Amino acid sequence: MKVVQVGVGKMGRAWLKAFATTEDVELVGIVEPVTVNREWAMAEYGLAPERCLDSLDVALETLQWDAAVIVTPPPSHRPLAERLLRGGKHVLIEKPLAATIEDARDLVAIAAETGKTLMVAQNYRYHDAFSTVRTLVASGRIGKVRSVKIEFRKNASTIFSENDFRYAMKHVLLVDMSIHHFDMIRAMLGANAARVYAQTWHVPGGNFEFDAAASVLIAMDDGAVVSYTGNWAAYPPETSWNGAWEIIGERGRIMWSGGDYTGDFTQAEISVQQWIEEPVLIAVGTVAKGGQLGLLEAFADAIASGTQPETAAADNIHSLGIVFAAVESAETGRVVQLS
């Protein structure tokens, strides 16, 4: 399968690295309007100038390809994805699927209308630690899950450049980061959100123009209650990108921290404690292909088989729904019901 990558900014560079190490798909070109980013891609990966384009129109006219990976700021997701789907291309798009729930619904409908695969890059589902915890929950070892507590803390100013678009995003934590955690909740519990209540606040000393911290209470449709607190302008100590989890079941609990893909928390700590017993450390399993590599394999397999991938847009819209319900709740002060 031949793929074009649209966007070669900070996250786009991680995708180029994945393309350079996978055999599941072939990168035939990039589309990037910023000259310095195109030049970087040519120098770093030896891409020919005729394959490094500044226009999607030119790519559609001059290159032979089957699918696209979109790695651009959220407001551009709807127009780019629609153009590609209607142009006969399958699309793997970085989270969030769209900048509004209305645009997300429209993209799901367009994908169904065109018969093309539209998949969201929820790469946290393809990490070793998450896969291990998800399997533990599914095994029934702690019984039916009753509650989940998640705490996430990162200082984005140590990660992104001074002019990064995220610093000017409203509800940046919820829209650009918490979508990962909300999606993991759905995948882990096999349930969707029923009600959401949220509050956000501005973190003193941070780089963000708007609120960069939030607390969200989520009532799932299977009866579980999720308490989530996140801070993207946090003071030390920080958590891993996964966050720190406590999952309470009828027969025990699972504790999980660390184990993300960046190398700063390479050793995940996962334990199971059944009631009246001591905690037991759990060995972390290994997924064959993690992160972007896992996503690319799943994307290629779905297209080849004509089946929906696990993180198809039609499913992911339920994760995005939690995000926008939290945004609405934070702005109105009311509990938001989801269908």
Protein backbone atom coordinates (compact mmCIF):
# COMPACT_ATOMS: atom_id res chain seq x y z
CA MET A 1 0.00 0.00 0.00
CA LYS A 2 1.36 3.41 -1.00
CA VAL A 3 0.93 6.27 1.49
CA VAL A 4 1.44 10.05 1.54
CA GLN A 5 2.04 11.79 4.86
CA VAL A 6 0.37 15.18 5.25
CA GLY A 7 2.23 17.30 7.82
CA VAL A 8 5.85 16.99 9.00
CA GLY A 9 5.85 19.07 12.20
CA LYS A 10 6.91 17.74 15.60
CA MET A 11 4.53 14.77 15.64
CA GLY A 12 4.98 14.29 11.92
CA ARG A 13 8.65 13.54 12.49
CA ALA A 14 7.70 10.60 14.71
CA TRP A 15 5.55 9.28 11.88
CA LEU A 16 8.41 9.60 9.37
CA LYS A 17 10.54 7.52 11.72
CA ALA A 18 7.82 4.86 11.75
CA PHE A 19 7.61 4.83 7.96
CA ALA A 20 11.36 4.33 7.79
CA THR A 21 11.14 1.16 9.89
CA THR A 22 7.94 -0.53 8.68
CA GLU A 23 7.32 -2.99 5.88
CA ASP A 24 3.53 -2.75 6.12
CA VAL A 25 3.23 0.35 3.91
CA GLU A 26 5.37 2.39 1.52
CA LEU A 27 5.80 6.14 1.96
CA VAL A 28 5.73 7.69 -1.53
CA GLY A 29 5.71 11.35 -0.53
CA ILE A 30 4.97 14.08 1.96
CA VAL A 31 2.85 17.23 1.84
CA GLU A 32 4.18 20.04 4.03
CA PRO A 33 3.74 23.81 3.39
CA VAL A 34 6.64 24.86 5.64
CA THR A 35 9.88 24.89 3.65
CA VAL A 36 12.20 24.15 6.57
CA ASN A 37 10.18 21.04 7.46
CA ARG A 38 10.37 19.74 3.88
CA GLU A 39 14.10 20.36 3.81
CA TRP A 40 14.49 18.51 7.10
CA ALA A 41 12.61 15.49 5.72
CA MET A 42 14.80 15.43 2.61
CA ALA A 43 18.00 15.68 4.61
CA GLU A 44 17.02 13.25 7.37
CA TYR A 45 15.36 10.53 5.29
CA GLY A 46 16.78 11.11 1.82
CA LEU A 47 13.39 11.88 0.27
CA ALA A 48 13.62 13.18 -3.28
CA PRO A 49 12.51 16.80 -3.80
CA GLU A 50 9.77 15.74 -6.23
CA ARG A 51 8.25 13.65 -3.42
CA CYS A 52 8.29 16.51 -0.89
CA LEU A 53 5.41 18.75 -1.93
CA ASP A 54 3.88 21.93 -0.51
CA SER A 55 0.38 21.26 -1.85
CA LEU A 56 -2.15 18.44 -1.47
CA ASP A 57 -3.50 19.30 -4.92
CA VAL A 58 -0.09 18.61 -6.47
CA ALA A 59 0.20 15.30 -4.60
CA LEU A 60 -3.20 14.21 -5.89
CA GLU A 61 -2.23 15.13 -9.43
CA THR A 62 1.34 13.82 -9.62
CA LEU A 63 1.80 10.89 -7.21
CA GLN A 64 0.35 7.39 -7.31
CA TRP A 65 -0.93 6.48 -3.84
CA ASP A 66 -3.71 4.72 -1.94
CA ALA A 67 -3.91 6.32 1.50
CA ALA A 68 -2.86 9.27 3.63
CA VAL A 69 -1.69 9.86 7.18
CA ILE A 70 -2.76 13.31 8.40
CA VAL A 71 -0.48 14.85 11.05
CA THR A 72 -1.64 18.48 11.20
CA PRO A 73 -3.30 20.82 13.76
CA PRO A 74 -6.90 19.82 14.65
CA PRO A 75 -8.76 22.65 12.80
CA SER A 76 -7.37 21.31 9.50
CA HIS A 77 -8.54 17.73 10.05
CA ARG A 78 -12.07 18.08 8.66
CA PRO A 79 -11.21 19.79 5.34
CA LEU A 80 -8.14 17.62 4.69
CA ALA A 81 -9.84 14.33 5.53
CA GLU A 82 -12.93 15.16 3.51
CA ARG A 83 -10.85 16.14 0.49
CA LEU A 84 -8.89 12.89 0.68
CA LEU A 85 -11.87 10.61 1.28
CA ARG A 86 -13.77 12.15 -1.63
CA GLY A 87 -10.58 11.88 -3.67
CA GLY A 88 -10.64 8.10 -3.23
CA LYS A 89 -8.00 7.81 -0.49
CA HIS A 90 -8.12 5.89 2.78
CA VAL A 91 -7.22 8.09 5.75
CA LEU A 92 -5.39 7.55 9.05
CA ILE A 93 -5.69 10.78 11.03
CA GLU A 94 -3.93 11.95 14.17
CA LYS A 95 -6.16 12.57 17.16
CA PRO A 96 -8.45 14.32 17.66
CA LEU A 97 -10.59 13.18 14.74
CA ALA A 98 -11.94 16.71 14.32
CA ALA A 99 -12.10 20.06 16.10
CA THR A 100 -15.87 19.79 16.68
CA ILE A 101 -18.23 16.89 17.25
CA GLU A 102 -20.28 18.03 14.25
CA ASP A 103 -17.25 17.80 11.96
CA ALA A 104 -16.44 14.38 13.42
CA ARG A 105 -19.94 13.10 12.67
CA ASP A 106 -19.70 14.46 9.13
CA LEU A 107 -16.38 12.70 8.53
CA VAL A 108 -17.80 9.39 9.77
CA ALA A 109 -20.71 9.82 7.35
CA ILE A 110 -18.38 10.71 4.45
CA ALA A 111 -16.24 7.64 5.11
CA ALA A 112 -19.35 5.46 5.02
CA GLU A 113 -20.57 7.18 1.85
CA THR A 114 -17.26 6.77 0.02
CA GLY A 115 -16.52 3.28 1.34
CA LYS A 116 -13.06 4.33 2.47
CA THR A 117 -11.31 3.51 5.74
CA LEU A 118 -11.14 6.41 8.19
CA MET A 119 -9.04 5.52 11.24
CA VAL A 120 -7.88 7.63 14.20
CA ALA A 121 -4.31 7.32 15.48
CA GLN A 122 -5.00 6.33 19.09
CA ASN A 123 -1.50 4.95 19.50
CA TYR A 124 -1.78 4.49 23.27
CA ARG A 125 -3.88 1.37 22.60
CA TYR A 126 -0.77 -0.12 21.02
CA HIS A 127 1.55 0.19 24.03
CA ASP A 128 2.86 -2.74 26.05
CA ALA A 129 1.69 -1.50 29.45
CA PHE A 130 -1.83 -0.61 28.34
CA SER A 131 -2.22 -3.94 26.58
CA THR A 132 -1.14 -5.72 29.77
CA VAL A 133 -3.59 -3.82 31.98
CA ARG A 134 -6.41 -4.20 29.47
CA THR A 135 -5.88 -7.96 29.42
CA LEU A 136 -5.90 -8.06 33.24
CA VAL A 137 -9.22 -6.22 33.38
CA ALA A 138 -10.74 -8.49 30.71
CA SER A 139 -9.57 -11.60 32.59
CA GLY A 140 -11.96 -10.83 35.44
CA ARG A 141 -9.22 -11.13 38.03
CA ILE A 142 -10.50 -8.11 39.97
CA GLY A 143 -14.14 -8.72 39.07
CA LYS A 144 -16.45 -6.12 37.61
CA VAL A 145 -14.82 -2.69 37.56
CA ARG A 146 -16.60 -0.21 39.82
CA SER A 147 -14.31 2.82 39.65
CA VAL A 148 -11.19 4.16 37.95
CA LYS A 149 -8.94 6.98 39.15
CA ILE A 150 -6.44 8.54 36.74
CA GLU A 151 -3.93 11.29 37.43
CA PHE A 152 -1.91 12.83 34.59
CA ARG A 153 0.80 15.47 35.05
CA LYS A 154 3.21 16.79 32.43
CA ASN A 155 4.98 20.11 31.85
CA ALA A 156 4.43 20.81 28.16
CA SER A 157 6.88 23.71 28.12
CA THR A 158 9.73 21.17 28.33
CA ILE A 159 8.35 19.32 25.29
CA PHE A 160 7.01 21.82 22.76
CA SER A 161 8.68 24.85 21.19
CA GLU A 162 7.74 28.37 22.29
CA ASN A 163 5.52 28.97 19.24
CA ASP A 164 3.71 25.62 19.32
CA PHE A 165 0.04 25.90 18.31
CA ARG A 166 -1.09 24.15 21.51
CA TYR A 167 -0.28 27.17 23.69
CA ALA A 168 -3.10 29.11 22.03
CA MET A 169 -5.65 26.27 22.02
CA LYS A 170 -8.73 26.58 24.18
CA HIS A 171 -9.28 23.49 26.36
CA VAL A 172 -5.92 22.23 25.14
CA LEU A 173 -5.55 19.47 27.73
CA LEU A 174 -8.97 17.97 27.06
CA VAL A 175 -8.87 18.25 23.27
CA ASP A 176 -5.26 17.46 22.47
CA MET A 177 -4.17 15.16 25.31
CA SER A 178 -7.02 13.78 27.42
CA ILE A 179 -8.53 12.18 24.32
CA HIS A 180 -5.85 9.50 24.78
CA HIS A 181 -6.91 8.77 28.36
CA PHE A 182 -10.63 8.86 27.57
CA ASP A 183 -10.07 6.47 24.68
CA MET A 184 -8.09 4.11 26.91
CA ILE A 185 -10.95 4.15 29.43
CA ARG A 186 -13.45 3.06 26.78
CA ALA A 187 -11.15 0.36 25.42
CA MET A 188 -10.25 -0.95 28.87
CA LEU A 189 -13.83 -1.13 30.17
CA GLY A 190 -15.57 -1.97 26.90
CA ALA A 191 -18.09 0.75 27.74
CA ASN A 192 -19.11 4.25 26.70
CA ALA A 193 -19.71 7.37 28.78
CA ALA A 194 -23.23 8.18 29.96
CA ARG A 195 -22.68 11.43 31.88
CA VAL A 196 -19.76 13.87 32.21
CA TYR A 197 -19.02 16.69 34.64
CA ALA A 198 -15.83 18.77 34.35
CA GLN A 199 -14.05 21.82 35.68
CA THR A 200 -10.89 23.42 34.28
CA TRP A 201 -8.45 25.99 35.62
CA HIS A 202 -5.46 28.09 34.63
CA VAL A 203 -2.09 26.96 35.98
CA PRO A 204 0.08 29.83 37.32
CA GLY A 205 3.41 30.13 35.56
CA GLY A 206 2.41 28.01 32.60
CA ASN A 207 2.81 28.85 28.90
CA PHE A 208 -0.82 28.28 27.97
CA GLU A 209 -3.16 31.12 27.11
CA PHE A 210 -6.18 29.18 28.37
CA ASP A 211 -6.85 26.58 31.07
CA ALA A 212 -4.34 23.72 30.96
CA ALA A 213 -5.68 21.63 33.85
CA ALA A 214 -8.95 19.82 34.39
CA SER A 215 -10.85 17.44 36.63
CA VAL A 216 -13.47 15.26 34.96
CA LEU A 217 -16.00 12.89 36.49
CA ILE A 218 -17.33 10.31 34.03
CA ALA A 219 -20.22 7.92 34.66
CA MET A 220 -19.88 4.99 32.26
CA ASP A 221 -22.89 3.16 30.85
CA ASP A 222 -21.81 -0.07 32.57
CA GLY A 223 -22.04 1.58 36.01
CA ALA A 224 -18.33 2.33 36.53
CA VAL A 225 -17.33 5.81 37.68
CA VAL A 226 -14.11 7.43 36.42
CA SER A 227 -12.31 10.26 38.22
CA TYR A 228 -9.76 11.97 35.97
CA THR A 229 -7.41 14.83 36.84
CA GLY A 230 -4.96 16.18 34.28
CA ASN A 231 -2.45 19.02 34.20
CA TRP A 232 -0.35 19.97 31.17
CA ALA A 233 1.56 22.74 32.94
CA ALA A 234 2.38 20.64 35.98
CA TYR A 235 5.08 21.08 38.57
CA PRO A 236 7.21 18.03 39.50
CA PRO A 237 6.76 15.19 40.02
CA GLU A 238 5.37 14.27 36.61
CA THR A 239 3.62 11.07 35.59
CA SER A 240 4.27 9.12 32.42
CA TRP A 241 2.18 9.99 29.37
CA ASN A 242 -0.12 7.14 30.33
CA GLY A 243 -0.83 8.71 33.71
CA ALA A 244 -1.14 6.91 37.05
CA TRP A 245 -4.14 4.56 37.31
CA GLU A 246 -6.06 2.85 40.09
CA ILE A 247 -8.75 0.45 38.88
CA ILE A 248 -11.12 -0.82 41.57
CA GLY A 249 -13.10 -3.99 41.01
CA GLU A 250 -15.43 -6.08 43.13
CA ARG A 251 -12.64 -8.53 43.99
CA GLY A 252 -9.58 -6.29 44.03
CA ARG A 253 -7.69 -3.50 42.34
CA ILE A 254 -5.04 -2.86 39.68
CA MET A 255 -2.39 -0.17 40.16
CA TRP A 256 -0.52 1.07 37.09
CA SER A 257 2.07 3.79 36.53
CA GLY A 258 4.81 4.42 33.97
CA GLY A 259 5.56 2.41 30.87
CA ASP A 260 5.06 4.89 28.02
CA TYR A 261 6.90 4.90 24.71
CA THR A 262 9.16 7.93 25.19
CA GLY A 263 11.86 6.28 27.27
CA ASP A 264 11.50 8.54 30.29
CA PHE A 265 9.37 5.94 32.08
CA THR A 266 10.59 2.75 30.44
CA GLN A 267 9.67 0.48 33.34
CA ALA A 268 5.95 0.18 33.92
CA GLU A 269 4.82 -0.75 37.40
CA ILE A 270 1.67 -2.86 37.36
CA SER A 271 0.28 -4.71 40.37
CA VAL A 272 -2.88 -6.64 41.22
CA GLN A 273 -4.21 -6.76 44.75
CA GLN A 274 -7.13 -9.01 45.50
CA TRP A 275 -8.94 -8.03 48.67
CA ILE A 276 -7.32 -9.21 51.94
CA GLU A 277 -4.22 -10.25 50.00
CA GLU A 278 -0.87 -8.57 49.32
CA PRO A 279 -0.28 -6.82 45.96
CA VAL A 280 1.34 -8.96 43.26
CA LEU A 281 3.61 -7.39 40.63
CA ILE A 282 2.65 -8.21 37.05
CA ALA A 283 5.17 -8.70 34.25
CA VAL A 284 4.54 -6.36 31.34
CA GLY A 285 3.67 -8.16 28.12
CA THR A 286 5.05 -7.15 24.75
CA VAL A 287 3.01 -6.18 21.71
CA ALA A 288 4.59 -7.22 18.42
CA LYS A 289 4.33 -3.71 16.99
CA GLY A 290 3.73 -0.75 19.23
CA GLY A 291 2.80 2.90 18.73
CA GLN A 292 2.79 4.18 15.17
CA LEU A 293 4.03 0.82 13.83
CA GLY A 294 1.03 -0.92 15.34
CA LEU A 295 -1.29 1.70 13.89
CA LEU A 296 0.19 1.37 10.40
CA GLU A 297 -0.14 -2.41 10.52
CA ALA A 298 -3.76 -2.19 11.68
CA PHE A 299 -4.51 0.43 9.00
CA ALA A 300 -3.04 -1.70 6.21
CA ASP A 301 -4.78 -4.86 7.47
CA ALA A 302 -8.16 -3.13 7.65
CA ILE A 303 -7.87 -1.83 4.10
CA ALA A 304 -6.71 -5.18 2.75
CA SER A 305 -9.48 -7.12 4.51
CA GLY A 306 -12.25 -4.58 4.06
CA THR A 307 -12.97 -4.59 7.80
CA GLN A 308 -13.14 -1.78 10.34
CA PRO A 309 -9.97 -1.20 12.40
CA GLU A 310 -10.23 -1.06 16.19
CA THR A 311 -9.86 2.71 16.23
CA ALA A 312 -12.11 3.41 13.25
CA ALA A 313 -13.59 6.91 13.29
CA ALA A 314 -17.06 5.40 13.71
CA ASP A 315 -15.93 3.99 17.08
CA ASN A 316 -13.55 6.78 18.06
CA ILE A 317 -16.31 9.36 17.91
CA HIS A 318 -17.47 7.96 21.27
CA SER A 319 -14.08 8.85 22.77
CA LEU A 320 -14.22 12.29 21.21
CA GLY A 321 -17.74 12.65 22.58
CA ILE A 322 -16.33 12.50 26.11
CA VAL A 323 -13.91 15.31 25.23
CA PHE A 324 -16.59 17.66 23.96
CA ALA A 325 -18.95 16.74 26.77
CA ALA A 326 -16.19 17.73 29.21
CA VAL A 327 -15.65 20.99 27.33
CA GLU A 328 -19.38 21.76 27.42
CA SER A 329 -19.59 20.91 31.11
CA ALA A 330 -16.59 23.09 31.96
CA GLU A 331 -18.11 26.02 30.10
CA THR A 332 -21.67 25.66 31.43
CA GLY A 333 -21.11 24.19 34.88
CA ARG A 334 -23.67 21.46 34.14
CA VAL A 335 -23.58 17.67 33.91
CA VAL A 336 -23.70 16.65 30.24
CA GLN A 337 -25.64 13.56 29.17
CA LEU A 338 -24.34 11.46 26.27
CA SER A 339 -26.44 9.17 24.11
